[in-house]
Amino acid sequence: MKNIYKLLFVSILIAFITGCEKAPTDTKTQVETEKKEVAATKEAIKKDLKQSIQVFTADNKDGKITTKSIEAAFDEAGVPIGVNNNMNSPFSQRFPKVHYKVYNLAVFQNSDLTLKLIKKYPNFGALTPLTMSIWSDGDSMNISTLSLFGMSRAGEIPMDDADLIAYAELVKSALLKAMPHGSFKELPYEDARPTESLATNFEVEIDVEEVTDFTTYKEDFQAEFEAEMEPIGFLFPNYINLQEEIFDEAGYDAYDFYDTYSICKFDVIYPVSKDHPEAGAWAPCSFYMYKKKDENVMRMGFLSVENWISSTNMKDKESMNPLREAQNMIETIINEMIE
């Protein structure tokens, strides 16, 4: 019996010693894993700091990933797509050929995060809604969106803003849901330093003695704006009345009105998309206009085409000239309207 107890005691002792020997090894492995994760995070941040645009790509030989399946995934992820336009349809009617088997431009947003960001940064309307391009080249499907750095730089929002980070992560989760086996493509360039402003803004003084109905004032301005823009080829594929669609429901009443337009021009996006399909992360362009209740000023603006040019390291005149020409047209029209 004593021998049995001795054997049992020895077994327990060996098990204890073995456990103690394994613990440092497990701890060491855990530390090494954490170091790798931190290093990966730092590397990801470095990449974000170099590139405004991110391209998520996946093999699609079986054709199961479609623009409709991507739309459904984004809707399910909490960033519903408002417009998902097949650009090849108008391109094939207006131009000699299309560049890609699939080329779509889509707009999407998360209402809760939009409200939180606009409360802190009123000009976030220039990124409301967010935009993306979806295209197929050969056997892959690609989606181009703005990175955290891209939203931060263009919107002049601190990169460590919690709501902006949450928005960027939400976009990434939507991309993964849309293409579970996808990955971010290594782009062959970094953002160039723009020589001009990333934002184009306007202000209009409102005579409150003459203008008492701000809704009518806004609608009259928009009617004139559309009447000037449409004859020269600009389209408005999406329009959001943020006051009615988001602010009122949340009980937020800081504005008399806040609207955004999505603006597109076929003669611009067609040549740009040929060599820079990822530029759709900026298209269609979001144009905002708002009036705060405590101000007698209507503010408007959109993100300069320098965003497109610098974030894709664009060099070719075939792409740059139509972009800058379009911006000059919009600026001229608005400046003439507010003189």
Protein backbone atom coordinates (compact mmCIF):
# COMPACT_ATOMS: atom_id res chain seq x y z
CA MET A 1 0.00 0.00 0.00
CA LYS A 2 2.82 2.36 0.89
CA ASN A 3 4.37 1.72 -2.52
CA ILE A 4 1.11 2.67 -4.19
CA TYR A 5 1.00 5.94 -2.26
CA LYS A 6 4.62 6.62 -3.19
CA LEU A 7 3.90 6.02 -6.88
CA LEU A 8 0.84 8.28 -6.70
CA PHE A 9 2.84 11.01 -4.99
CA VAL A 10 5.62 10.78 -7.59
CA SER A 11 3.07 10.95 -10.43
CA ILE A 12 1.50 14.07 -8.97
CA LEU A 13 4.92 15.63 -8.42
CA ILE A 14 5.98 14.90 -12.00
CA ALA A 15 2.74 16.35 -13.34
CA PHE A 16 3.24 19.48 -11.24
CA ILE A 17 6.85 19.92 -12.36
CA THR A 18 5.90 19.34 -16.01
CA GLY A 19 3.13 21.92 -15.72
CA CYS A 20 5.53 24.43 -14.25
CA GLU A 21 7.98 23.81 -17.07
CA LYS A 22 5.29 24.35 -19.72
CA ALA A 23 3.95 27.59 -18.26
CA PRO A 24 6.93 29.77 -19.19
CA THR A 25 6.88 28.31 -22.71
CA ASP A 26 3.17 29.09 -23.09
CA THR A 27 3.70 32.60 -21.72
CA LYS A 28 6.60 33.13 -24.10
CA THR A 29 4.49 31.98 -27.04
CA GLN A 30 1.68 34.32 -26.00
CA VAL A 31 4.08 37.27 -25.73
CA GLU A 32 5.54 36.50 -29.16
CA THR A 33 2.04 36.28 -30.64
CA GLU A 34 1.09 39.63 -29.11
CA LYS A 35 4.28 41.20 -30.48
CA LYS A 36 3.44 39.92 -33.95
CA GLU A 37 -0.08 41.32 -33.68
CA VAL A 38 1.21 44.72 -32.57
CA ALA A 39 3.76 44.70 -35.41
CA ALA A 40 1.01 43.83 -37.91
CA THR A 41 -1.17 46.63 -36.57
CA LYS A 42 1.67 49.14 -36.83
CA GLU A 43 2.37 48.00 -40.39
CA ALA A 44 -1.30 48.40 -41.28
CA ILE A 45 -1.28 51.92 -39.82
CA LYS A 46 1.85 52.75 -41.83
CA LYS A 47 0.08 51.63 -44.99
CA ASP A 48 -3.00 53.66 -44.06
CA LEU A 49 -0.81 56.70 -43.59
CA LYS A 50 0.50 56.32 -47.12
CA GLN A 51 -2.65 55.62 -49.10
CA SER A 52 -6.11 57.23 -49.09
CA ILE A 53 -7.62 54.50 -51.26
CA GLN A 54 -7.86 50.82 -50.40
CA VAL A 55 -8.69 48.14 -52.95
CA PHE A 56 -10.20 44.87 -51.73
CA THR A 57 -9.94 42.05 -54.25
CA ALA A 58 -11.06 38.42 -54.49
CA ASP A 59 -10.91 35.57 -56.96
CA ASN A 60 -14.22 35.29 -58.79
CA LYS A 61 -13.69 32.54 -61.36
CA ASP A 62 -17.02 30.98 -60.43
CA GLY A 63 -18.84 34.30 -60.88
CA LYS A 64 -20.61 34.03 -57.54
CA ILE A 65 -19.60 37.55 -56.47
CA THR A 66 -21.80 40.09 -58.23
CA THR A 67 -22.62 43.74 -57.76
CA LYS A 68 -25.94 42.62 -56.27
CA SER A 69 -24.33 40.22 -53.79
CA ILE A 70 -21.94 42.98 -52.73
CA GLU A 71 -24.87 45.33 -52.23
CA ALA A 72 -26.67 42.76 -50.08
CA ALA A 73 -23.56 42.22 -47.96
CA PHE A 74 -23.09 45.95 -47.34
CA ASP A 75 -26.75 46.30 -46.42
CA GLU A 76 -26.41 43.43 -43.95
CA ALA A 77 -23.21 44.88 -42.49
CA GLY A 78 -24.92 48.15 -41.55
CA VAL A 79 -23.71 50.40 -44.37
CA PRO A 80 -26.63 50.19 -46.80
CA ILE A 81 -26.02 51.09 -50.42
CA GLY A 82 -28.30 53.83 -51.69
CA VAL A 83 -27.33 53.72 -55.37
CA ASN A 84 -25.42 51.00 -57.25
CA ASN A 85 -25.12 52.13 -60.86
CA ASN A 86 -23.90 49.94 -63.72
CA MET A 87 -21.68 52.46 -65.50
CA ASN A 88 -21.08 50.16 -68.47
CA SER A 89 -24.66 50.75 -69.59
CA PRO A 90 -24.27 54.49 -70.31
CA PHE A 91 -20.61 54.06 -71.27
CA SER A 92 -21.48 51.57 -74.03
CA GLN A 93 -24.02 54.02 -75.47
CA ARG A 94 -21.76 57.08 -75.39
CA PHE A 95 -18.26 55.74 -76.01
CA PRO A 96 -16.58 53.28 -78.44
CA LYS A 97 -16.02 50.56 -75.82
CA VAL A 98 -16.10 49.80 -72.11
CA HIS A 99 -12.92 49.26 -70.11
CA TYR A 100 -14.04 46.43 -67.83
CA LYS A 101 -16.44 43.50 -67.84
CA VAL A 102 -18.08 45.08 -64.77
CA TYR A 103 -17.79 48.68 -63.60
CA ASN A 104 -20.21 50.07 -61.03
CA LEU A 105 -20.23 53.20 -58.90
CA ALA A 106 -22.11 52.96 -55.61
CA VAL A 107 -22.90 55.17 -52.61
CA PHE A 108 -23.34 53.95 -49.04
CA GLN A 109 -23.51 55.23 -45.48
CA ASN A 110 -24.22 54.44 -41.85
CA SER A 111 -26.74 56.91 -40.44
CA ASP A 112 -25.67 56.68 -36.78
CA LEU A 113 -22.00 57.36 -37.49
CA THR A 114 -22.86 60.04 -40.03
CA LEU A 115 -24.81 61.92 -37.36
CA LYS A 116 -22.06 61.55 -34.76
CA LEU A 117 -19.41 62.84 -37.15
CA ILE A 118 -21.46 65.74 -38.49
CA LYS A 119 -22.16 66.88 -34.93
CA LYS A 120 -18.41 67.30 -34.46
CA TYR A 121 -17.36 68.09 -38.03
CA PRO A 122 -20.19 69.82 -39.97
CA ASN A 123 -18.36 69.51 -43.29
CA PHE A 124 -18.43 65.72 -43.07
CA GLY A 125 -21.22 66.09 -45.61
CA ALA A 126 -18.45 66.04 -48.22
CA LEU A 127 -18.10 62.35 -47.32
CA THR A 128 -21.84 61.69 -47.05
CA PRO A 129 -22.52 59.33 -48.58
CA LEU A 130 -19.26 57.46 -48.94
CA THR A 131 -18.57 56.11 -52.41
CA MET A 132 -16.96 53.11 -54.06
CA SER A 133 -16.22 51.54 -57.40
CA ILE A 134 -16.76 47.86 -58.15
CA TRP A 135 -15.03 46.36 -61.15
CA SER A 136 -14.06 43.04 -62.64
CA ASP A 137 -10.86 42.52 -64.58
CA GLY A 138 -10.45 38.93 -65.69
CA ASP A 139 -11.19 36.45 -62.90
CA SER A 140 -11.17 38.89 -59.96
CA MET A 141 -13.70 41.25 -58.42
CA ASN A 142 -12.45 44.50 -56.90
CA ILE A 143 -13.93 47.11 -54.58
CA SER A 144 -12.30 50.48 -54.02
CA THR A 145 -13.14 52.53 -50.92
CA LEU A 146 -11.46 55.20 -48.82
CA SER A 147 -9.14 54.07 -46.04
CA LEU A 148 -9.19 55.55 -42.53
CA PHE A 149 -6.36 57.84 -43.61
CA GLY A 150 -8.26 58.87 -46.72
CA MET A 151 -11.36 59.87 -44.77
CA SER A 152 -9.26 61.61 -42.15
CA ARG A 153 -7.15 63.58 -44.63
CA ALA A 154 -9.95 64.63 -46.94
CA GLY A 155 -12.41 65.41 -44.16
CA GLU A 156 -9.79 67.15 -42.00
CA ILE A 157 -10.74 64.88 -39.10
CA PRO A 158 -8.21 63.56 -36.56
CA MET A 159 -7.22 60.03 -37.46
CA ASP A 160 -7.73 58.91 -33.86
CA ASP A 161 -11.36 60.05 -33.75
CA ALA A 162 -13.26 57.08 -32.34
CA ASP A 163 -16.28 57.50 -34.62
CA LEU A 164 -14.14 57.81 -37.74
CA ILE A 165 -12.23 54.68 -36.75
CA ALA A 166 -15.54 52.88 -36.16
CA TYR A 167 -16.72 53.94 -39.64
CA ALA A 168 -13.51 52.70 -41.28
CA GLU A 169 -13.76 49.38 -39.44
CA LEU A 170 -17.40 49.03 -40.44
CA VAL A 171 -16.42 49.46 -44.09
CA LYS A 172 -13.73 46.80 -43.71
CA SER A 173 -16.19 44.38 -42.12
CA ALA A 174 -18.62 45.00 -45.01
CA LEU A 175 -15.87 44.28 -47.53
CA LEU A 176 -15.04 41.01 -45.80
CA LYS A 177 -18.71 40.04 -45.66
CA ALA A 178 -19.04 40.79 -49.37
CA MET A 179 -15.91 38.84 -50.32
CA PRO A 180 -14.96 36.48 -47.44
CA HIS A 181 -11.87 35.17 -49.21
CA GLY A 182 -10.69 38.59 -50.35
CA SER A 183 -7.67 40.66 -49.33
CA PHE A 184 -6.38 44.19 -49.68
CA LYS A 185 -4.34 44.71 -52.82
CA GLU A 186 -0.85 46.14 -52.57
CA LEU A 187 -1.08 49.34 -54.63
CA PRO A 188 1.99 50.34 -56.66
CA TYR A 189 2.00 53.94 -55.40
CA GLU A 190 1.53 56.16 -52.37
CA ASP A 191 -0.45 59.38 -52.01
CA ALA A 192 1.33 62.29 -53.65
CA ARG A 193 1.38 65.59 -51.78
CA PRO A 194 -1.35 67.76 -53.31
CA THR A 195 -0.35 71.24 -54.41
CA GLU A 196 -3.87 72.57 -53.92
CA SER A 197 -6.57 72.39 -51.25
CA LEU A 198 -8.37 69.09 -50.71
CA ALA A 199 -11.67 70.90 -50.11
CA THR A 200 -13.67 73.46 -52.06
CA ASN A 201 -16.01 75.50 -49.86
CA PHE A 202 -18.49 78.35 -50.35
CA GLU A 203 -20.46 80.64 -48.05
CA VAL A 204 -23.57 82.70 -48.74
CA GLU A 205 -24.83 85.41 -46.41
CA ILE A 206 -28.60 85.15 -45.96
CA ASP A 207 -30.62 88.30 -45.33
CA VAL A 208 -32.94 87.01 -42.62
CA GLU A 209 -35.16 90.08 -42.94
CA GLU A 210 -35.99 89.05 -46.51
CA VAL A 211 -35.77 85.29 -46.11
CA THR A 212 -38.05 83.78 -43.50
CA ASP A 213 -38.70 80.37 -45.03
CA PHE A 214 -35.35 78.62 -45.26
CA THR A 215 -36.79 75.50 -46.88
CA THR A 216 -38.11 77.56 -49.81
CA TYR A 217 -34.78 79.41 -50.00
CA LYS A 218 -32.89 76.12 -50.19
CA GLU A 219 -35.23 74.61 -52.77
CA ASP A 220 -35.01 77.69 -55.01
CA PHE A 221 -31.22 77.58 -54.83
CA GLN A 222 -31.16 73.87 -55.64
CA ALA A 223 -33.54 74.30 -58.58
CA GLU A 224 -31.25 76.95 -60.08
CA PHE A 225 -28.15 74.85 -59.36
CA GLU A 226 -29.61 71.80 -61.12
CA ALA A 227 -30.80 73.92 -64.04
CA GLU A 228 -27.25 75.21 -64.56
CA MET A 229 -25.50 71.87 -64.08
CA GLU A 230 -27.63 69.43 -66.07
CA PRO A 231 -27.28 71.07 -69.53
CA ILE A 232 -23.48 70.72 -69.34
CA GLY A 233 -23.62 67.01 -68.55
CA PHE A 234 -23.73 66.75 -64.76
CA LEU A 235 -26.05 64.18 -63.20
CA PHE A 236 -27.36 63.78 -59.66
CA PRO A 237 -27.66 60.03 -59.01
CA ASN A 238 -28.35 60.46 -55.30
CA TYR A 239 -29.80 63.11 -52.99
CA ILE A 240 -30.09 62.97 -49.19
CA ASN A 241 -32.10 65.30 -46.99
CA LEU A 242 -30.15 64.60 -43.82
CA GLN A 243 -32.46 66.77 -41.74
CA GLU A 244 -35.48 64.63 -42.56
CA GLU A 245 -33.81 61.24 -42.99
CA ILE A 246 -31.40 61.26 -40.04
CA PHE A 247 -31.49 64.37 -37.82
CA ASP A 248 -35.23 64.55 -37.12
CA GLU A 249 -35.42 60.90 -36.16
CA ALA A 250 -32.54 61.39 -33.70
CA GLY A 251 -34.08 64.58 -32.27
CA TYR A 252 -31.13 66.67 -33.48
CA ASP A 253 -32.27 70.19 -34.42
CA ALA A 254 -29.10 72.26 -34.86
CA TYR A 255 -29.83 72.91 -38.56
CA ASP A 256 -32.55 74.57 -40.59
CA PHE A 257 -31.52 72.26 -43.40
CA TYR A 258 -28.68 69.93 -44.37
CA ASP A 259 -28.69 68.24 -47.81
CA THR A 260 -26.13 66.39 -49.89
CA TYR A 261 -26.01 65.69 -53.62
CA SER A 262 -24.05 62.96 -55.37
CA ILE A 263 -22.69 64.50 -58.57
CA CYS A 264 -21.42 62.54 -61.58
CA LYS A 265 -20.32 63.34 -65.15
CA PHE A 266 -19.83 60.55 -67.70
CA ASP A 267 -17.24 62.53 -69.67
CA VAL A 268 -15.11 62.61 -66.50
CA ILE A 269 -15.43 59.18 -64.96
CA TYR A 270 -15.10 57.31 -68.27
CA PRO A 271 -11.55 58.45 -69.12
CA VAL A 272 -10.46 58.38 -65.48
CA SER A 273 -11.70 54.83 -64.93
CA LYS A 274 -9.65 53.46 -67.83
CA ASP A 275 -6.34 53.60 -65.96
CA HIS A 276 -7.62 54.47 -62.48
CA PRO A 277 -10.71 52.35 -61.73
CA GLU A 278 -9.99 52.75 -58.02
CA ALA A 279 -10.71 56.49 -58.30
CA GLY A 280 -14.35 55.52 -57.87
CA ALA A 281 -13.66 55.73 -54.13
CA TRP A 282 -14.26 59.46 -54.75
CA ALA A 283 -17.12 59.14 -57.26
CA PRO A 284 -19.78 60.26 -57.51
CA CYS A 285 -18.68 63.41 -55.73
CA SER A 286 -20.64 64.35 -52.58
CA PHE A 287 -21.72 67.99 -52.48
CA TYR A 288 -23.19 69.33 -49.21
CA MET A 289 -25.19 72.42 -48.36
CA TYR A 290 -26.43 73.40 -44.92
CA LYS A 291 -27.56 76.22 -42.67
CA LYS A 292 -27.14 76.12 -38.92
CA LYS A 293 -29.93 77.65 -36.86
CA ASP A 294 -27.53 79.95 -35.02
CA GLU A 295 -25.98 81.32 -38.24
CA ASN A 296 -27.20 83.53 -41.10
CA VAL A 297 -24.95 81.70 -43.54
CA MET A 298 -25.50 78.84 -45.97
CA ARG A 299 -22.37 76.73 -46.30
CA MET A 300 -21.59 74.46 -49.26
CA GLY A 301 -18.70 72.38 -50.42
CA PHE A 302 -17.22 69.28 -52.00
CA LEU A 303 -13.87 67.53 -52.06
CA SER A 304 -11.48 68.87 -54.66
CA VAL A 305 -10.44 66.72 -57.59
CA GLU A 306 -6.93 67.02 -56.17
CA ASN A 307 -8.03 64.17 -53.92
CA TRP A 308 -8.51 61.97 -56.99
CA ILE A 309 -5.22 63.07 -58.52
CA SER A 310 -3.01 62.83 -55.43
CA SER A 311 -4.47 59.59 -54.06
CA THR A 312 -3.96 57.68 -57.32
CA ASN A 313 -0.66 59.37 -58.18
CA MET A 314 -2.31 60.41 -61.41
CA LYS A 315 0.02 61.73 -64.11
CA ASP A 316 -1.84 61.38 -67.41
CA LYS A 317 -3.54 64.45 -68.87
CA GLU A 318 -6.35 62.28 -70.30
CA SER A 319 -7.53 61.78 -66.72
CA MET A 320 -6.48 65.01 -65.01
CA ASN A 321 -7.80 67.49 -67.59
CA PRO A 322 -11.47 66.33 -67.45
CA LEU A 323 -11.34 66.33 -63.64
CA ARG A 324 -10.01 69.87 -63.35
CA GLU A 325 -12.33 71.10 -66.09
CA ALA A 326 -15.32 69.68 -64.21
CA GLN A 327 -14.24 71.32 -60.97
CA ASN A 328 -13.86 74.68 -62.71
CA MET A 329 -17.37 74.33 -64.14
CA ILE A 330 -18.90 73.68 -60.72
CA GLU A 331 -16.98 76.51 -59.09
CA THR A 332 -17.95 78.95 -61.85
CA ILE A 333 -21.64 78.10 -61.59
CA ILE A 334 -21.77 78.42 -57.81
CA ASN A 335 -19.71 81.62 -57.72
CA GLU A 336 -22.03 83.20 -60.30
CA MET A 337 -25.07 82.11 -58.29
CA ILE A 338 -23.84 83.60 -55.01
CA GLU A 339 -22.40 86.89 -56.35
